[in-house]
């Protein structure tokens, strides 16, 4: 059975879980990452970050622009390891 209201599809986190964590005092994206692993899946938050930031904004009364978008650690998009080096098969 599919979950309803899944916000972070990579980690299968529902909006109710996010709201519960915020109510418990986790009011930054970094705290939610540690508690729920949101934005830590293969998409690196491209699918859920904006939704979570809006939920934090609603809960804290701060504008989204004032809420830290969290730390984005490269590579943000999965890449092949060969692209990171200058490999020349002629050598």
N, C-alpha and C. Protein backbone atom coordinates (compact mmCIF):
# COMPACT_ATOMS: atom_id res chain seq x y z
N UNK A 1 0.84 -1.18 0.00
CA UNK A 1 0.00 0.00 0.00
C UNK A 1 0.89 1.25 0.00
N UNK A 2 0.63 2.17 -0.89
CA UNK A 2 1.43 3.38 -1.01
C UNK A 2 1.15 4.33 0.16
N UNK A 3 2.20 5.02 0.59
CA UNK A 3 2.04 6.00 1.65
C UNK A 3 1.38 7.26 1.09
N UNK A 4 0.59 7.91 1.90
CA UNK A 4 -0.04 9.16 1.50
C UNK A 4 0.82 10.33 1.95
N UNK A 5 0.82 11.38 1.16
CA UNK A 5 1.50 12.63 1.51
C UNK A 5 3.00 12.46 1.72
N UNK A 6 3.64 11.66 0.88
CA UNK A 6 5.10 11.50 0.96
C UNK A 6 5.74 12.75 0.37
N UNK A 7 6.59 13.38 1.15
CA UNK A 7 7.28 14.59 0.72
C UNK A 7 8.66 14.25 0.18
N UNK A 8 9.42 13.50 0.95
CA UNK A 8 10.75 13.06 0.50
C UNK A 8 10.61 11.64 -0.03
N UNK A 9 10.52 11.54 -1.35
CA UNK A 9 10.31 10.23 -1.97
C UNK A 9 11.52 9.31 -1.82
N UNK A 10 12.72 9.86 -1.84
CA UNK A 10 13.92 9.03 -1.72
C UNK A 10 13.97 8.29 -0.39
N UNK A 11 13.59 8.98 0.68
CA UNK A 11 13.63 8.40 2.03
C UNK A 11 12.25 8.03 2.55
N UNK A 12 11.21 8.22 1.72
CA UNK A 12 9.83 7.89 2.07
C UNK A 12 9.36 8.55 3.38
N UNK A 13 9.56 9.86 3.46
CA UNK A 13 9.16 10.62 4.64
C UNK A 13 7.88 11.38 4.34
N UNK A 14 6.89 11.19 5.19
CA UNK A 14 5.59 11.85 5.01
C UNK A 14 5.56 13.20 5.70
N UNK A 15 4.63 14.04 5.27
CA UNK A 15 4.48 15.38 5.83
C UNK A 15 4.18 15.32 7.33
N UNK A 16 3.41 14.32 7.77
CA UNK A 16 3.09 14.22 9.20
C UNK A 16 4.34 13.99 10.04
N UNK A 17 5.30 13.22 9.52
CA UNK A 17 6.56 12.99 10.24
C UNK A 17 7.36 14.28 10.34
N UNK A 18 7.36 15.05 9.26
CA UNK A 18 8.07 16.33 9.26
C UNK A 18 7.43 17.28 10.26
N UNK A 19 6.12 17.38 10.24
CA UNK A 19 5.42 18.28 11.16
C UNK A 19 5.63 17.86 12.62
N UNK A 20 5.66 16.56 12.88
CA UNK A 20 5.89 16.07 14.24
C UNK A 20 7.27 16.49 14.73
N UNK A 21 8.29 16.33 13.87
CA UNK A 21 9.65 16.73 14.25
C UNK A 21 9.75 18.23 14.51
N UNK A 22 9.07 19.02 13.68
CA UNK A 22 9.07 20.47 13.88
C UNK A 22 8.41 20.81 15.22
N UNK A 23 7.30 20.16 15.52
CA UNK A 23 6.59 20.39 16.79
C UNK A 23 7.45 20.00 17.99
N UNK A 24 8.34 19.03 17.79
CA UNK A 24 9.24 18.60 18.86
C UNK A 24 10.44 19.53 19.03
N UNK A 25 10.54 20.56 18.17
CA UNK A 25 11.59 21.55 18.34
C UNK A 25 12.67 21.56 17.28
N UNK A 26 12.58 20.70 16.31
CA UNK A 26 13.57 20.69 15.22
C UNK A 26 13.10 21.69 14.17
N UNK A 27 13.68 22.89 14.19
CA UNK A 27 13.17 23.97 13.35
C UNK A 27 14.16 24.43 12.29
N UNK A 28 15.15 23.59 11.97
CA UNK A 28 16.04 23.88 10.85
C UNK A 28 16.09 22.67 9.94
N UNK A 29 16.46 22.90 8.69
CA UNK A 29 16.56 21.80 7.75
C UNK A 29 17.64 20.82 8.18
N UNK A 30 18.74 21.32 8.73
CA UNK A 30 19.82 20.44 9.20
C UNK A 30 19.32 19.50 10.30
N UNK A 31 18.50 20.01 11.21
CA UNK A 31 17.96 19.15 12.27
C UNK A 31 17.02 18.10 11.70
N UNK A 32 16.22 18.48 10.72
CA UNK A 32 15.31 17.52 10.09
C UNK A 32 16.09 16.47 9.31
N UNK A 33 17.20 16.87 8.68
CA UNK A 33 18.04 15.92 7.98
C UNK A 33 18.56 14.85 8.93
N UNK A 34 19.02 15.29 10.08
CA UNK A 34 19.57 14.34 11.06
C UNK A 34 18.51 13.41 11.63
N UNK A 35 17.32 13.93 11.81
CA UNK A 35 16.25 13.13 12.41
C UNK A 35 15.57 12.21 11.40
N UNK A 36 15.37 12.70 10.17
CA UNK A 36 14.55 11.97 9.20
C UNK A 36 15.27 11.57 7.91
N UNK A 37 16.47 12.06 7.70
CA UNK A 37 17.24 11.83 6.48
C UNK A 37 16.65 12.52 5.24
N UNK A 38 15.77 13.49 5.44
CA UNK A 38 15.22 14.22 4.29
C UNK A 38 16.37 14.92 3.57
N UNK A 39 16.26 15.05 2.28
CA UNK A 39 17.23 15.67 1.36
C UNK A 39 18.54 14.89 1.24
N UNK A 40 18.59 13.68 1.78
CA UNK A 40 19.84 12.92 1.76
C UNK A 40 19.82 11.75 0.78
N UNK A 41 18.75 11.61 0.03
CA UNK A 41 18.65 10.51 -0.93
C UNK A 41 19.33 10.84 -2.25
N UNK A 42 19.14 10.02 -3.24
CA UNK A 42 19.78 10.22 -4.54
C UNK A 42 19.48 11.58 -5.19
N UNK A 43 18.33 12.16 -4.92
CA UNK A 43 18.01 13.45 -5.56
C UNK A 43 18.63 14.63 -4.82
N UNK A 44 19.22 14.38 -3.64
CA UNK A 44 19.87 15.43 -2.85
C UNK A 44 18.95 16.60 -2.54
N UNK A 45 17.66 16.32 -2.37
CA UNK A 45 16.71 17.36 -1.99
C UNK A 45 16.08 18.11 -3.14
N UNK A 46 16.42 17.77 -4.36
CA UNK A 46 15.82 18.48 -5.49
C UNK A 46 14.31 18.28 -5.54
N UNK A 47 13.81 17.19 -4.98
CA UNK A 47 12.38 16.94 -5.00
C UNK A 47 11.64 17.42 -3.77
N UNK A 48 12.34 17.58 -2.64
CA UNK A 48 11.62 17.87 -1.40
C UNK A 48 12.09 19.12 -0.65
N UNK A 49 13.26 19.63 -0.94
CA UNK A 49 13.83 20.76 -0.17
C UNK A 49 12.87 21.95 -0.10
N UNK A 50 12.34 22.39 -1.24
CA UNK A 50 11.46 23.56 -1.25
C UNK A 50 10.19 23.33 -0.44
N UNK A 51 9.63 22.14 -0.51
CA UNK A 51 8.43 21.84 0.26
C UNK A 51 8.72 21.88 1.75
N UNK A 52 9.84 21.32 2.15
CA UNK A 52 10.22 21.30 3.57
C UNK A 52 10.52 22.70 4.06
N UNK A 53 11.19 23.51 3.25
CA UNK A 53 11.47 24.90 3.64
C UNK A 53 10.17 25.68 3.82
N UNK A 54 9.19 25.45 2.94
CA UNK A 54 7.90 26.14 3.11
C UNK A 54 7.19 25.68 4.38
N UNK A 55 7.31 24.41 4.71
CA UNK A 55 6.69 23.89 5.94
C UNK A 55 7.38 24.50 7.17
N UNK A 56 8.69 24.62 7.13
CA UNK A 56 9.42 25.27 8.23
C UNK A 56 9.01 26.74 8.34
N UNK A 57 8.83 27.39 7.21
CA UNK A 57 8.40 28.79 7.20
C UNK A 57 7.02 28.94 7.85
N UNK A 58 6.12 28.07 7.47
CA UNK A 58 4.76 28.12 8.03
C UNK A 58 4.79 27.90 9.54
N UNK A 59 5.58 26.94 9.98
CA UNK A 59 5.62 26.59 11.40
C UNK A 59 6.34 27.62 12.27
N UNK A 60 7.36 28.26 11.71
CA UNK A 60 8.15 29.20 12.51
C UNK A 60 7.74 30.65 12.32
N UNK A 61 6.97 30.94 11.26
CA UNK A 61 6.57 32.32 10.98
C UNK A 61 7.65 33.12 10.28
N UNK A 62 8.76 32.49 9.91
CA UNK A 62 9.84 33.17 9.20
C UNK A 62 9.62 33.05 7.70
N UNK A 63 10.01 34.07 6.94
CA UNK A 63 9.94 33.94 5.49
C UNK A 63 10.92 32.85 5.02
N UNK A 64 10.59 32.19 3.93
CA UNK A 64 11.45 31.12 3.41
C UNK A 64 12.86 31.64 3.15
N UNK A 65 12.97 32.88 2.70
CA UNK A 65 14.28 33.47 2.41
C UNK A 65 15.18 33.55 3.64
N UNK A 66 14.61 33.55 4.82
CA UNK A 66 15.38 33.63 6.06
C UNK A 66 15.75 32.26 6.63
N UNK A 67 15.26 31.21 6.02
CA UNK A 67 15.54 29.86 6.51
C UNK A 67 16.69 29.27 5.70
N UNK A 68 17.70 28.78 6.39
CA UNK A 68 18.85 28.21 5.72
C UNK A 68 18.44 26.99 4.89
N UNK A 69 18.87 26.95 3.62
CA UNK A 69 18.52 25.80 2.77
C UNK A 69 19.34 24.56 3.10
N UNK A 70 20.18 24.64 4.11
CA UNK A 70 20.98 23.49 4.51
C UNK A 70 22.25 23.39 3.70
N UNK A 71 23.06 22.45 4.08
CA UNK A 71 24.34 22.23 3.40
C UNK A 71 24.14 21.25 2.26
N UNK A 72 24.54 21.67 1.09
CA UNK A 72 24.47 20.80 -0.08
C UNK A 72 25.88 20.32 -0.35
N UNK A 73 26.08 19.03 -0.24
CA UNK A 73 27.41 18.48 -0.39
C UNK A 73 27.59 17.88 -1.79
N UNK A 74 28.65 18.29 -2.49
CA UNK A 74 28.88 17.75 -3.83
C UNK A 74 29.30 16.29 -3.76
N UNK A 75 29.14 15.50 -4.82
CA UNK A 75 28.45 15.95 -6.02
C UNK A 75 26.94 15.97 -5.80
N UNK A 76 26.32 17.06 -6.19
CA UNK A 76 24.89 17.23 -6.01
C UNK A 76 24.14 16.27 -6.92
N UNK A 77 24.72 16.00 -8.06
CA UNK A 77 24.11 15.07 -9.01
C UNK A 77 25.10 13.92 -9.21
N UNK A 78 24.65 12.69 -9.13
CA UNK A 78 25.57 11.57 -9.33
C UNK A 78 26.26 11.65 -10.69
N UNK A 79 27.57 11.44 -10.68
CA UNK A 79 28.34 11.45 -11.93
C UNK A 79 29.25 10.24 -11.97
N UNK A 80 29.72 9.89 -13.15
CA UNK A 80 30.64 8.77 -13.29
C UNK A 80 32.01 9.19 -12.81
N UNK A 81 32.71 8.30 -12.11
CA UNK A 81 34.01 8.62 -11.53
C UNK A 81 35.02 9.02 -12.59
N UNK A 82 34.91 8.46 -13.78
CA UNK A 82 35.83 8.80 -14.86
C UNK A 82 35.79 10.26 -15.26
N UNK A 83 34.68 10.93 -14.99
CA UNK A 83 34.56 12.35 -15.32
C UNK A 83 35.37 13.24 -14.37
N UNK A 84 35.75 12.70 -13.22
CA UNK A 84 36.49 13.49 -12.23
C UNK A 84 38.00 13.50 -12.49
N UNK A 85 38.48 12.65 -13.36
CA UNK A 85 39.92 12.61 -13.63
C UNK A 85 40.18 12.80 -15.11
N UNK A 86 41.41 13.19 -15.39
CA UNK A 86 41.82 13.37 -16.77
C UNK A 86 42.52 12.09 -17.21
N UNK A 87 41.72 11.13 -17.62
CA UNK A 87 42.26 9.83 -17.98
C UNK A 87 42.48 9.77 -19.48
N UNK A 88 43.71 9.41 -19.85
CA UNK A 88 44.05 9.29 -21.25
C UNK A 88 44.57 7.87 -21.48
N UNK A 89 43.84 7.09 -22.23
CA UNK A 89 44.21 5.68 -22.41
C UNK A 89 45.43 5.51 -23.28
N UNK A 90 45.92 6.58 -23.95
CA UNK A 90 47.10 6.50 -24.80
C UNK A 90 48.40 6.48 -24.00
N UNK A 91 48.39 6.81 -22.77
CA UNK A 91 49.61 6.89 -21.95
C UNK A 91 50.03 5.55 -21.45
